[in-house]
Amino acid sequence: MRLGPATLSPLLELLQEVAGDPEDDLHWFIARILGELRHPLAVAALGQLIQTTNQAEVAAIAATSLAKSGELALPVLSQLLHQPEQRVLAAQALTSWVWSWQCRC
């Protein structure tokens, strides 16, 4: 089964619902799924999640998910590089994306 655009809206709504609860594990799972969708709204949500979460694991999976989004995520990752708190995660995501791109050539 392939995830499609119909999956995006419910996931974004659920992410908003759990945003106020830093203990909710759903953040991690939603970030993981959003990375599979490779959609501009998913990329924006992942970038926002990196900037707002207090959970290192959630920020890390959001960055990994951004890397899976490929070129679509480059503007968001570029912005994150200019923010000291997110710079390392953005650099790791870019490194992962570049490495996976080189392996396809």
PDB file of N, CA and C in Angstrom:
ATOM      1  N   MET A   1       0.838  -1.183   0.000  1.00  0.00           N
ATOM      2  CA  MET A   1       0.000   0.000   0.000  1.00  0.00           C
ATOM      3  C   MET A   1       0.883   1.247   0.000  1.00  0.00           C
ATOM      4  N   ARG A   2       0.561   2.172  -0.838  1.00  0.00           N
ATOM      5  CA  ARG A   2       1.327   3.411  -0.956  1.00  0.00           C
ATOM      6  C   ARG A   2       0.561   4.548  -0.282  1.00  0.00           C
ATOM      7  N   LEU A   3       1.295   5.338   0.506  1.00  0.00           N
ATOM      8  CA  LEU A   3       0.689   6.508   1.135  1.00  0.00           C
ATOM      9  C   LEU A   3       0.505   7.582   0.087  1.00  0.00           C
ATOM     10  N   GLY A   4      -0.599   8.275   0.168  1.00  0.00           N
ATOM     11  CA  GLY A   4      -0.863   9.311  -0.821  1.00  0.00           C
ATOM     12  C   GLY A   4      -1.319  10.601  -0.180  1.00  0.00           C
ATOM     13  N   PRO A   5      -1.682  11.563  -1.015  1.00  0.00           N
ATOM     14  CA  PRO A   5      -2.104  12.874  -0.529  1.00  0.00           C
ATOM     15  C   PRO A   5      -3.286  12.816   0.450  1.00  0.00           C
ATOM     16  N   ALA A   6      -4.142  11.816   0.328  1.00  0.00           N
ATOM     17  CA  ALA A   6      -5.286  11.709   1.238  1.00  0.00           C
ATOM     18  C   ALA A   6      -4.830  11.469   2.678  1.00  0.00           C
ATOM     19  N   THR A   7      -3.628  10.953   2.837  1.00  0.00           N
ATOM     20  CA  THR A   7      -3.071  10.690   4.159  1.00  0.00           C
ATOM     21  C   THR A   7      -2.573  11.969   4.815  1.00  0.00           C
ATOM     22  N   LEU A   8      -2.203  12.940   4.018  1.00  0.00           N
ATOM     23  CA  LEU A   8      -1.545  14.148   4.511  1.00  0.00           C
ATOM     24  C   LEU A   8      -2.409  14.959   5.472  1.00  0.00           C
ATOM     25  N   SER A   9      -3.610  15.293   5.084  1.00  0.00           N
ATOM     26  CA  SER A   9      -4.461  16.154   5.899  1.00  0.00           C
ATOM     27  C   SER A   9      -4.733  15.579   7.294  1.00  0.00           C
ATOM     28  N   PRO A  10      -5.127  14.316   7.404  1.00  0.00           N
ATOM     29  CA  PRO A  10      -5.349  13.764   8.752  1.00  0.00           C
ATOM     30  C   PRO A  10      -4.077  13.759   9.609  1.00  0.00           C
ATOM     31  N   LEU A  11      -2.937  13.511   8.981  1.00  0.00           N
ATOM     32  CA  LEU A  11      -1.684  13.514   9.734  1.00  0.00           C
ATOM     33  C   LEU A  11      -1.341  14.909  10.246  1.00  0.00           C
ATOM     34  N   LEU A  12      -1.533  15.909   9.404  1.00  0.00           N
ATOM     35  CA  LEU A  12      -1.253  17.283   9.826  1.00  0.00           C
ATOM     36  C   LEU A  12      -2.198  17.719  10.945  1.00  0.00           C
ATOM     37  N   GLU A  13      -3.456  17.309  10.853  1.00  0.00           N
ATOM     38  CA  GLU A  13      -4.416  17.613  11.910  1.00  0.00           C
ATOM     39  C   GLU A  13      -4.033  16.930  13.217  1.00  0.00           C
ATOM     40  N   LEU A  14      -3.632  15.684  13.136  1.00  0.00           N
ATOM     41  CA  LEU A  14      -3.218  14.944  14.322  1.00  0.00           C
ATOM     42  C   LEU A  14      -1.968  15.566  14.940  1.00  0.00           C
ATOM     43  N   LEU A  15      -1.045  15.996  14.105  1.00  0.00           N
ATOM     44  CA  LEU A  15       0.164  16.652  14.597  1.00  0.00           C
ATOM     45  C   LEU A  15      -0.192  17.921  15.374  1.00  0.00           C
ATOM     46  N   GLN A  16      -1.163  18.676  14.887  1.00  0.00           N
ATOM     47  CA  GLN A  16      -1.623  19.878  15.597  1.00  0.00           C
ATOM     48  C   GLN A  16      -2.266  19.518  16.939  1.00  0.00           C
ATOM     49  N   GLU A  17      -3.034  18.430  16.949  1.00  0.00           N
ATOM     50  CA  GLU A  17      -3.706  18.004  18.181  1.00  0.00           C
ATOM     51  C   GLU A  17      -2.714  17.628  19.279  1.00  0.00           C
ATOM     52  N   VAL A  18      -1.635  16.965  18.913  1.00  0.00           N
ATOM     53  CA  VAL A  18      -0.675  16.499  19.923  1.00  0.00           C
ATOM     54  C   VAL A  18       0.448  17.504  20.171  1.00  0.00           C
ATOM     55  N   ALA A  19       0.403  18.636  19.474  1.00  0.00           N
ATOM     56  CA  ALA A  19       1.477  19.626  19.597  1.00  0.00           C
ATOM     57  C   ALA A  19       1.670  20.113  21.028  1.00  0.00           C
ATOM     58  N   GLY A  20       0.611  20.208  21.793  1.00  0.00           N
ATOM     59  CA  GLY A  20       0.718  20.707  23.160  1.00  0.00           C
ATOM     60  C   GLY A  20       1.171  19.669  24.167  1.00  0.00           C
ATOM     61  N   ASP A  21       1.345  18.439  23.744  1.00  0.00           N
ATOM     62  CA  ASP A  21       1.721  17.358  24.662  1.00  0.00           C
ATOM     63  C   ASP A  21       3.086  16.794  24.274  1.00  0.00           C
ATOM     64  N   PRO A  22       4.151  17.331  24.888  1.00  0.00           N
ATOM     65  CA  PRO A  22       5.495  16.874  24.523  1.00  0.00           C
ATOM     66  C   PRO A  22       5.771  15.417  24.883  1.00  0.00           C
ATOM     67  N   GLU A  23       4.940  14.831  25.711  1.00  0.00           N
ATOM     68  CA  GLU A  23       5.140  13.436  26.096  1.00  0.00           C
ATOM     69  C   GLU A  23       4.475  12.455  25.128  1.00  0.00           C
ATOM     70  N   ASP A  24       3.698  12.961  24.211  1.00  0.00           N
ATOM     71  CA  ASP A  24       2.978  12.098  23.283  1.00  0.00           C
ATOM     72  C   ASP A  24       3.942  11.543  22.237  1.00  0.00           C
ATOM     73  N   ASP A  25       4.004  10.228  22.133  1.00  0.00           N
ATOM     74  CA  ASP A  25       4.905   9.573  21.184  1.00  0.00           C
ATOM     75  C   ASP A  25       4.445   9.704  19.739  1.00  0.00           C
ATOM     76  N   LEU A  26       3.235  10.180  19.520  1.00  0.00           N
ATOM     77  CA  LEU A  26       2.729  10.303  18.156  1.00  0.00           C
ATOM     78  C   LEU A  26       3.574  11.242  17.307  1.00  0.00           C
ATOM     79  N   HIS A  27       4.216  12.233  17.907  1.00  0.00           N
ATOM     80  CA  HIS A  27       5.061  13.161  17.151  1.00  0.00           C
ATOM     81  C   HIS A  27       6.080  12.388  16.305  1.00  0.00           C
ATOM     82  N   TRP A  28       6.741  11.430  16.928  1.00  0.00           N
ATOM     83  CA  TRP A  28       7.788  10.657  16.256  1.00  0.00           C
ATOM     84  C   TRP A  28       7.210   9.893  15.062  1.00  0.00           C
ATOM     85  N   PHE A  29       6.095   9.218  15.293  1.00  0.00           N
ATOM     86  CA  PHE A  29       5.500   8.399  14.235  1.00  0.00           C
ATOM     87  C   PHE A  29       4.969   9.263  13.094  1.00  0.00           C
ATOM     88  N   ILE A  30       4.353  10.380  13.428  1.00  0.00           N
ATOM     89  CA  ILE A  30       3.841  11.278  12.392  1.00  0.00           C
ATOM     90  C   ILE A  30       4.989  11.824  11.556  1.00  0.00           C
ATOM     91  N   ALA A  31       6.070  12.218  12.208  1.00  0.00           N
ATOM     92  CA  ALA A  31       7.241  12.731  11.478  1.00  0.00           C
ATOM     93  C   ALA A  31       7.784  11.670  10.529  1.00  0.00           C
ATOM     94  N   ARG A  32       7.827  10.452  10.978  1.00  0.00           N
ATOM     95  CA  ARG A  32       8.322   9.340  10.145  1.00  0.00           C
ATOM     96  C   ARG A  32       7.450   9.158   8.907  1.00  0.00           C
ATOM     97  N   ILE A  33       6.146   9.202   9.095  1.00  0.00           N
ATOM     98  CA  ILE A  33       5.221   9.017   7.975  1.00  0.00           C
ATOM     99  C   ILE A  33       5.276  10.209   7.021  1.00  0.00           C
ATOM    100  N   LEU A  34       5.339  11.419   7.558  1.00  0.00           N
ATOM    101  CA  LEU A  34       5.374  12.607   6.704  1.00  0.00           C
ATOM    102  C   LEU A  34       6.571  12.572   5.748  1.00  0.00           C
ATOM    103  N   GLY A  35       7.672  12.008   6.197  1.00  0.00           N
ATOM    104  CA  GLY A  35       8.841  11.895   5.338  1.00  0.00           C
ATOM    105  C   GLY A  35       8.619  10.995   4.138  1.00  0.00           C
ATOM    106  N   GLU A  36       7.712  10.052   4.282  1.00  0.00           N
ATOM    107  CA  GLU A  36       7.414   9.146   3.172  1.00  0.00           C
ATOM    108  C   GLU A  36       6.523   9.803   2.119  1.00  0.00           C
ATOM    109  N   LEU A  37       5.806  10.858   2.493  1.00  0.00           N
ATOM    110  CA  LEU A  37       4.861  11.473   1.570  1.00  0.00           C
ATOM    111  C   LEU A  37       5.525  12.367   0.533  1.00  0.00           C
ATOM    112  N   ARG A  38       6.661  12.961   0.875  1.00  0.00           N
ATOM    113  CA  ARG A  38       7.386  13.839  -0.056  1.00  0.00           C
ATOM    114  C   ARG A  38       6.454  14.883  -0.685  1.00  0.00           C
ATOM    115  N   HIS A  39       5.821  15.632   0.181  1.00  0.00           N
ATOM    116  CA  HIS A  39       4.849  16.647  -0.240  1.00  0.00           C
ATOM    117  C   HIS A  39       5.259  17.988   0.382  1.00  0.00           C
ATOM    118  N   PRO A  40       5.061  19.106  -0.321  1.00  0.00           N
ATOM    119  CA  PRO A  40       5.463  20.409   0.224  1.00  0.00           C
ATOM    120  C   PRO A  40       4.867  20.719   1.601  1.00  0.00           C
ATOM    121  N   LEU A  41       3.617  20.355   1.835  1.00  0.00           N
ATOM    122  CA  LEU A  41       3.014  20.608   3.147  1.00  0.00           C
ATOM    123  C   LEU A  41       3.641  19.728   4.230  1.00  0.00           C
ATOM    124  N   ALA A  42       4.014  18.511   3.866  1.00  0.00           N
ATOM    125  CA  ALA A  42       4.691  17.630   4.817  1.00  0.00           C
ATOM    126  C   ALA A  42       6.071  18.186   5.161  1.00  0.00           C
ATOM    127  N   VAL A  43       6.767  18.682   4.156  1.00  0.00           N
ATOM    128  CA  VAL A  43       8.097  19.269   4.374  1.00  0.00           C
ATOM    129  C   VAL A  43       7.991  20.479   5.300  1.00  0.00           C
ATOM    130  N   ALA A  44       7.014  21.323   5.072  1.00  0.00           N
ATOM    131  CA  ALA A  44       6.824  22.504   5.923  1.00  0.00           C
ATOM    132  C   ALA A  44       6.522  22.092   7.365  1.00  0.00           C
ATOM    133  N   ALA A  45       5.678  21.078   7.531  1.00  0.00           N
ATOM    134  CA  ALA A  45       5.332  20.602   8.873  1.00  0.00           C
ATOM    135  C   ALA A  45       6.545  20.013   9.584  1.00  0.00           C
ATOM    136  N   LEU A  46       7.373  19.292   8.847  1.00  0.00           N
ATOM    137  CA  LEU A  46       8.583  18.720   9.444  1.00  0.00           C
ATOM    138  C   LEU A  46       9.553  19.820   9.874  1.00  0.00           C
ATOM    139  N   GLY A  47       9.704  20.842   9.042  1.00  0.00           N
ATOM    140  CA  GLY A  47      10.570  21.968   9.406  1.00  0.00           C
ATOM    141  C   GLY A  47      10.066  22.667  10.652  1.00  0.00           C
ATOM    142  N   GLN A  48       8.766  22.858  10.731  1.00  0.00           N
ATOM    143  CA  GLN A  48       8.159  23.483  11.915  1.00  0.00           C
ATOM    144  C   GLN A  48       8.356  22.614  13.148  1.00  0.00           C
ATOM    145  N   LEU A  49       8.194  21.306  12.984  1.00  0.00           N
ATOM    146  CA  LEU A  49       8.354  20.383  14.105  1.00  0.00           C
ATOM    147  C   LEU A  49       9.774  20.435  14.653  1.00  0.00           C
ATOM    148  N   ILE A  50      10.752  20.485  13.786  1.00  0.00           N
ATOM    149  CA  ILE A  50      12.146  20.585  14.237  1.00  0.00           C
ATOM    150  C   ILE A  50      12.344  21.832  15.093  1.00  0.00           C
ATOM    151  N   GLN A  51      11.718  22.914  14.704  1.00  0.00           N
ATOM    152  CA  GLN A  51      11.904  24.176  15.409  1.00  0.00           C
ATOM    153  C   GLN A  51      11.134  24.266  16.724  1.00  0.00           C
ATOM    154  N   THR A  52      10.089  23.468  16.877  1.00  0.00           N
ATOM    155  CA  THR A  52       9.238  23.625  18.051  1.00  0.00           C
ATOM    156  C   THR A  52       9.324  22.499  19.078  1.00  0.00           C
ATOM    157  N   THR A  53       9.834  21.350  18.697  1.00  0.00           N
ATOM    158  CA  THR A  53       9.847  20.230  19.638  1.00  0.00           C
ATOM    159  C   THR A  53      10.981  20.376  20.659  1.00  0.00           C
ATOM    160  N   ASN A  54      10.730  19.854  21.840  1.00  0.00           N
ATOM    161  CA  ASN A  54      11.755  19.798  22.885  1.00  0.00           C
ATOM    162  C   ASN A  54      12.351  18.399  22.986  1.00  0.00           C
ATOM    163  N   GLN A  55      11.892  17.502  22.134  1.00  0.00           N
ATOM    164  CA  GLN A  55      12.355  16.118  22.167  1.00  0.00           C
ATOM    165  C   GLN A  55      13.410  15.896  21.084  1.00  0.00           C
ATOM    166  N   ALA A  56      14.602  15.536  21.502  1.00  0.00           N
ATOM    167  CA  ALA A  56      15.699  15.325  20.561  1.00  0.00           C
ATOM    168  C   ALA A  56      15.377  14.223  19.554  1.00  0.00           C
ATOM    169  N   GLU A  57      14.694  13.161  20.009  1.00  0.00           N
ATOM    170  CA  GLU A  57      14.376  12.048  19.120  1.00  0.00           C
ATOM    171  C   GLU A  57      13.393  12.470  18.027  1.00  0.00           C
ATOM    172  N   VAL A  58      12.460  13.324  18.400  1.00  0.00           N
ATOM    173  CA  VAL A  58      11.471  13.804  17.432  1.00  0.00           C
ATOM    174  C   VAL A  58      12.147  14.712  16.408  1.00  0.00           C
ATOM    175  N   ALA A  59      13.009  15.605  16.883  1.00  0.00           N
ATOM    176  CA  ALA A  59      13.733  16.493  15.962  1.00  0.00           C
ATOM    177  C   ALA A  59      14.604  15.677  15.014  1.00  0.00           C
ATOM    178  N   ALA A  60      15.237  14.630  15.538  1.00  0.00           N
ATOM    179  CA  ALA A  60      16.113  13.799  14.711  1.00  0.00           C
ATOM    180  C   ALA A  60      15.335  13.063  13.622  1.00  0.00           C
ATOM    181  N   ILE A  61      14.182  12.489  13.968  1.00  0.00           N
ATOM    182  CA  ILE A  61      13.416  11.772  12.944  1.00  0.00           C
ATOM    183  C   ILE A  61      12.801  12.753  11.956  1.00  0.00           C
ATOM    184  N   ALA A  62      12.459  13.952  12.413  1.00  0.00           N
ATOM    185  CA  ALA A  62      11.943  14.964  11.485  1.00  0.00           C
ATOM    186  C   ALA A  62      13.025  15.364  10.485  1.00  0.00           C
ATOM    187  N   ALA A  63      14.269  15.498  10.943  1.00  0.00           N
ATOM    188  CA  ALA A  63      15.377  15.832  10.046  1.00  0.00           C
ATOM    189  C   ALA A  63      15.638  14.693   9.068  1.00  0.00           C
ATOM    190  N   THR A  64      15.602  13.474   9.553  1.00  0.00           N
ATOM    191  CA  THR A  64      15.773  12.310   8.680  1.00  0.00           C
ATOM    192  C   THR A  64      14.661  12.256   7.637  1.00  0.00           C
ATOM    193  N   SER A  65      13.458  12.563   8.060  1.00  0.00           N
ATOM    194  CA  SER A  65      12.322  12.570   7.136  1.00  0.00           C
ATOM    195  C   SER A  65      12.459  13.673   6.099  1.00  0.00           C
ATOM    196  N   LEU A  66      12.998  14.818   6.499  1.00  0.00           N
ATOM    197  CA  LEU A  66      13.258  15.881   5.527  1.00  0.00           C
ATOM    198  C   LEU A  66      14.261  15.405   4.482  1.00  0.00           C
ATOM    199  N   ALA A  67      15.282  14.697   4.907  1.00  0.00           N
ATOM    200  CA  ALA A  67      16.284  14.185   3.971  1.00  0.00           C
ATOM    201  C   ALA A  67      15.636  13.265   2.944  1.00  0.00           C
ATOM    202  N   LYS A  68      14.648  12.486   3.371  1.00  0.00           N
ATOM    203  CA  LYS A  68      13.955  11.581   2.446  1.00  0.00           C
ATOM    204  C   LYS A  68      13.142  12.342   1.406  1.00  0.00           C
ATOM    205  N   SER A  69      12.806  13.588   1.727  1.00  0.00           N
ATOM    206  CA  SER A  69      12.004  14.391   0.801  1.00  0.00           C
ATOM    207  C   SER A  69      12.830  14.968  -0.334  1.00  0.00           C
ATOM    208  N   GLY A  70      14.132  14.797  -0.282  1.00  0.00           N
ATOM    209  CA  GLY A  70      15.009  15.200  -1.375  1.00  0.00           C
ATOM    210  C   GLY A  70      15.037  16.692  -1.628  1.00  0.00           C
ATOM    211  N   GLU A  71      15.102  17.051  -2.900  1.00  0.00           N
ATOM    212  CA  GLU A  71      15.232  18.451  -3.295  1.00  0.00           C
ATOM    213  C   GLU A  71      14.098  19.320  -2.769  1.00  0.00           C
ATOM    214  N   LEU A  72      12.964  18.735  -2.559  1.00  0.00           N
ATOM    215  CA  LEU A  72      11.819  19.459  -2.038  1.00  0.00           C
ATOM    216  C   LEU A  72      12.121  20.090  -0.675  1.00  0.00           C
ATOM    217  N   ALA A  73      12.993  19.451   0.096  1.00  0.00           N
ATOM    218  CA  ALA A  73      13.310  19.917   1.448  1.00  0.00           C
ATOM    219  C   ALA A  73      14.477  20.908   1.496  1.00  0.00           C
ATOM    220  N   LEU A  74      15.160  21.115   0.383  1.00  0.00           N
ATOM    221  CA  LEU A  74      16.352  21.976   0.406  1.00  0.00           C
ATOM    222  C   LEU A  74      16.090  23.385   0.937  1.00  0.00           C
ATOM    223  N   PRO A  75      15.013  24.061   0.555  1.00  0.00           N
ATOM    224  CA  PRO A  75      14.780  25.396   1.125  1.00  0.00           C
ATOM    225  C   PRO A  75      14.606  25.380   2.648  1.00  0.00           C
ATOM    226  N   VAL A  76      13.883  24.391   3.163  1.00  0.00           N
ATOM    227  CA  VAL A  76      13.670  24.290   4.613  1.00  0.00           C
ATOM    228  C   VAL A  76      14.987  23.984   5.316  1.00  0.00           C
ATOM    229  N   LEU A  77      15.746  23.035   4.780  1.00  0.00           N
ATOM    230  CA  LEU A  77      17.028  22.692   5.393  1.00  0.00           C
ATOM    231  C   LEU A  77      17.999  23.861   5.330  1.00  0.00           C
ATOM    232  N   SER A  78      17.956  24.603   4.256  1.00  0.00           N
ATOM    233  CA  SER A  78      18.808  25.784   4.130  1.00  0.00           C
ATOM    234  C   SER A  78      18.479  26.812   5.211  1.00  0.00           C
ATOM    235  N   GLN A  79      17.195  27.027   5.461  1.00  0.00           N
ATOM    236  CA  GLN A  79      16.784  27.949   6.528  1.00  0.00           C
ATOM    237  C   GLN A  79      17.238  27.449   7.888  1.00  0.00           C
ATOM    238  N   LEU A  80      17.125  26.152   8.115  1.00  0.00           N
ATOM    239  CA  LEU A  80      17.531  25.586   9.402  1.00  0.00           C
ATOM    240  C   LEU A  80      19.030  25.704   9.639  1.00  0.00           C
ATOM    241  N   LEU A  81      19.808  25.719   8.568  1.00  0.00           N
ATOM    242  CA  LEU A  81      21.259  25.886   8.716  1.00  0.00           C
ATOM    243  C   LEU A  81      21.620  27.233   9.334  1.00  0.00           C
ATOM    244  N   HIS A  82      20.749  28.214   9.187  1.00  0.00           N
ATOM    245  CA  HIS A  82      21.006  29.554   9.718  1.00  0.00           C
ATOM    246  C   HIS A  82      20.544  29.718  11.161  1.00  0.00           C
ATOM    247  N   GLN A  83      19.997  28.662  11.735  1.00  0.00           N
ATOM    248  CA  GLN A  83      19.524  28.702  13.119  1.00  0.00           C
ATOM    249  C   GLN A  83      20.429  27.814  13.970  1.00  0.00           C
ATOM    250  N   PRO A  84      21.183  28.416  14.884  1.00  0.00           N
ATOM    251  CA  PRO A  84      22.169  27.646  15.653  1.00  0.00           C
ATOM    252  C   PRO A  84      21.610  26.392  16.333  1.00  0.00           C
ATOM    253  N   GLU A  85      20.369  26.452  16.814  1.00  0.00           N
ATOM    254  CA  GLU A  85      19.801  25.297  17.527  1.00  0.00           C
ATOM    255  C   GLU A  85      19.522  24.120  16.600  1.00  0.00           C
ATOM    256  N   GLN A  86      19.284  24.391  15.336  1.00  0.00           N
ATOM    257  CA  GLN A  86      18.943  23.324  14.396  1.00  0.00           C
ATOM    258  C   GLN A  86      20.033  23.051  13.361  1.00  0.00           C
ATOM    259  N   ARG A  87      21.118  23.765  13.434  1.00  0.00           N
ATOM    260  CA  ARG A  87      22.168  23.681  12.413  1.00  0.00           C
ATOM    261  C   ARG A  87      22.717  22.261  12.240  1.00  0.00           C
ATOM    262  N   VAL A  88      22.988  21.579  13.344  1.00  0.00           N
ATOM    263  CA  VAL A  88      23.573  20.236  13.243  1.00  0.00           C
ATOM    264  C   VAL A  88      22.589  19.256  12.607  1.00  0.00           C
ATOM    265  N   LEU A  89      21.319  19.325  13.020  1.00  0.00           N
ATOM    266  CA  LEU A  89      20.313  18.430  12.418  1.00  0.00           C
ATOM    267  C   LEU A  89      20.169  18.688  10.925  1.00  0.00           C
ATOM    268  N   ALA A  90      20.159  19.952  10.534  1.00  0.00           N
ATOM    269  CA  ALA A  90      20.040  20.290   9.112  1.00  0.00           C
ATOM    270  C   ALA A  90      21.247  19.777   8.335  1.00  0.00           C
ATOM    271  N   ALA A  91      22.429  19.942   8.890  1.00  0.00           N
ATOM    272  CA  ALA A  91      23.641  19.461   8.216  1.00  0.00           C
ATOM    273  C   ALA A  91      23.623  17.937   8.091  1.00  0.00           C
ATOM    274  N   GLN A  92      23.180  17.254   9.124  1.00  0.00           N
ATOM    275  CA  GLN A  92      23.089  15.796   9.063  1.00  0.00           C
ATOM    276  C   GLN A  92      22.091  15.353   7.991  1.00  0.00           C
ATOM    277  N   ALA A  93      20.960  16.040   7.925  1.00  0.00           N
ATOM    278  CA  ALA A  93      19.953  15.695   6.923  1.00  0.00           C
ATOM    279  C   ALA A  93      20.488  15.932   5.516  1.00  0.00           C
ATOM    280  N   LEU A  94      21.177  17.045   5.329  1.00  0.00           N
ATOM    281  CA  LEU A  94      21.748  17.326   4.009  1.00  0.00           C
ATOM    282  C   LEU A  94      22.801  16.297   3.634  1.00  0.00           C
ATOM    283  N   THR A  95      23.617  15.913   4.585  1.00  0.00           N
ATOM    284  CA  THR A  95      24.641  14.895   4.342  1.00  0.00           C
ATOM    285  C   THR A  95      23.992  13.579   3.943  1.00  0.00           C
ATOM    286  N   SER A  96      22.942  13.218   4.648  1.00  0.00           N
ATOM    287  CA  SER A  96      22.223  11.982   4.341  1.00  0.00           C
ATOM    288  C   SER A  96      21.623  12.036   2.938  1.00  0.00           C
ATOM    289  N   TRP A  97      21.034  13.176   2.597  1.00  0.00           N
ATOM    290  CA  TRP A  97      20.425  13.333   1.276  1.00  0.00           C
ATOM    291  C   TRP A  97      21.485  13.255   0.178  1.00  0.00           C
ATOM    292  N   VAL A  98      22.597  13.955   0.344  1.00  0.00           N
ATOM    293  CA  VAL A  98      23.662  13.948  -0.658  1.00  0.00           C
ATOM    294  C   VAL A  98      24.214  12.540  -0.821  1.00  0.00           C
ATOM    295  N   TRP A  99      24.433  11.846   0.280  1.00  0.00           N
ATOM    296  CA  TRP A  99      24.973  10.485   0.218  1.00  0.00           C
ATOM    297  C   TRP A  99      24.006   9.557  -0.508  1.00  0.00           C
ATOM    298  N   SER A 100      22.714   9.655  -0.197  1.00  0.00           N
ATOM    299  CA  SER A 100      21.755   8.764  -0.858  1.00  0.00           C
ATOM    300  C   SER A 100      21.622   9.111  -2.349  1.00  0.00           C
ATOM    301  N   TRP A 101      21.739  10.391  -2.677  1.00  0.00           N
ATOM    302  CA  TRP A 101      21.681  10.809  -4.075  1.00  0.00           C
ATOM    303  C   TRP A 101      22.883  10.268  -4.845  1.00  0.00           C
ATOM    304  N   GLN A 102      24.062  10.315  -4.250  1.00  0.00           N
ATOM    305  CA  GLN A 102      25.270   9.817  -4.914  1.00  0.00           C
ATOM    306  C   GLN A 102      25.201   8.317  -5.127  1.00  0.00           C
ATOM    307  N   CYS A 103      24.571   7.613  -4.227  1.00  0.00           N
ATOM    308  CA  CYS A 103      24.462   6.164  -4.356  1.00  0.00           C
ATOM    309  C   CYS A 103      23.545   5.760  -5.508  1.00  0.00           C
ATOM    310  N   ARG A 104      22.649   6.647  -5.916  1.00  0.00           N
ATOM    311  CA  ARG A 104      21.737   6.349  -7.022  1.00  0.00           C
ATOM    312  C   ARG A 104      22.383   6.568  -8.375  1.00  0.00           C
ATOM    313  N   CYS A 105      23.468   7.295  -8.409  1.00  0.00           N
ATOM    314  CA  CYS A 105      24.103   7.619  -9.695  1.00  0.00           C
ATOM    315  C   CYS A 105      24.875   6.455 -10.254  1.00  0.00           C
TER     316      CYS A 105
END
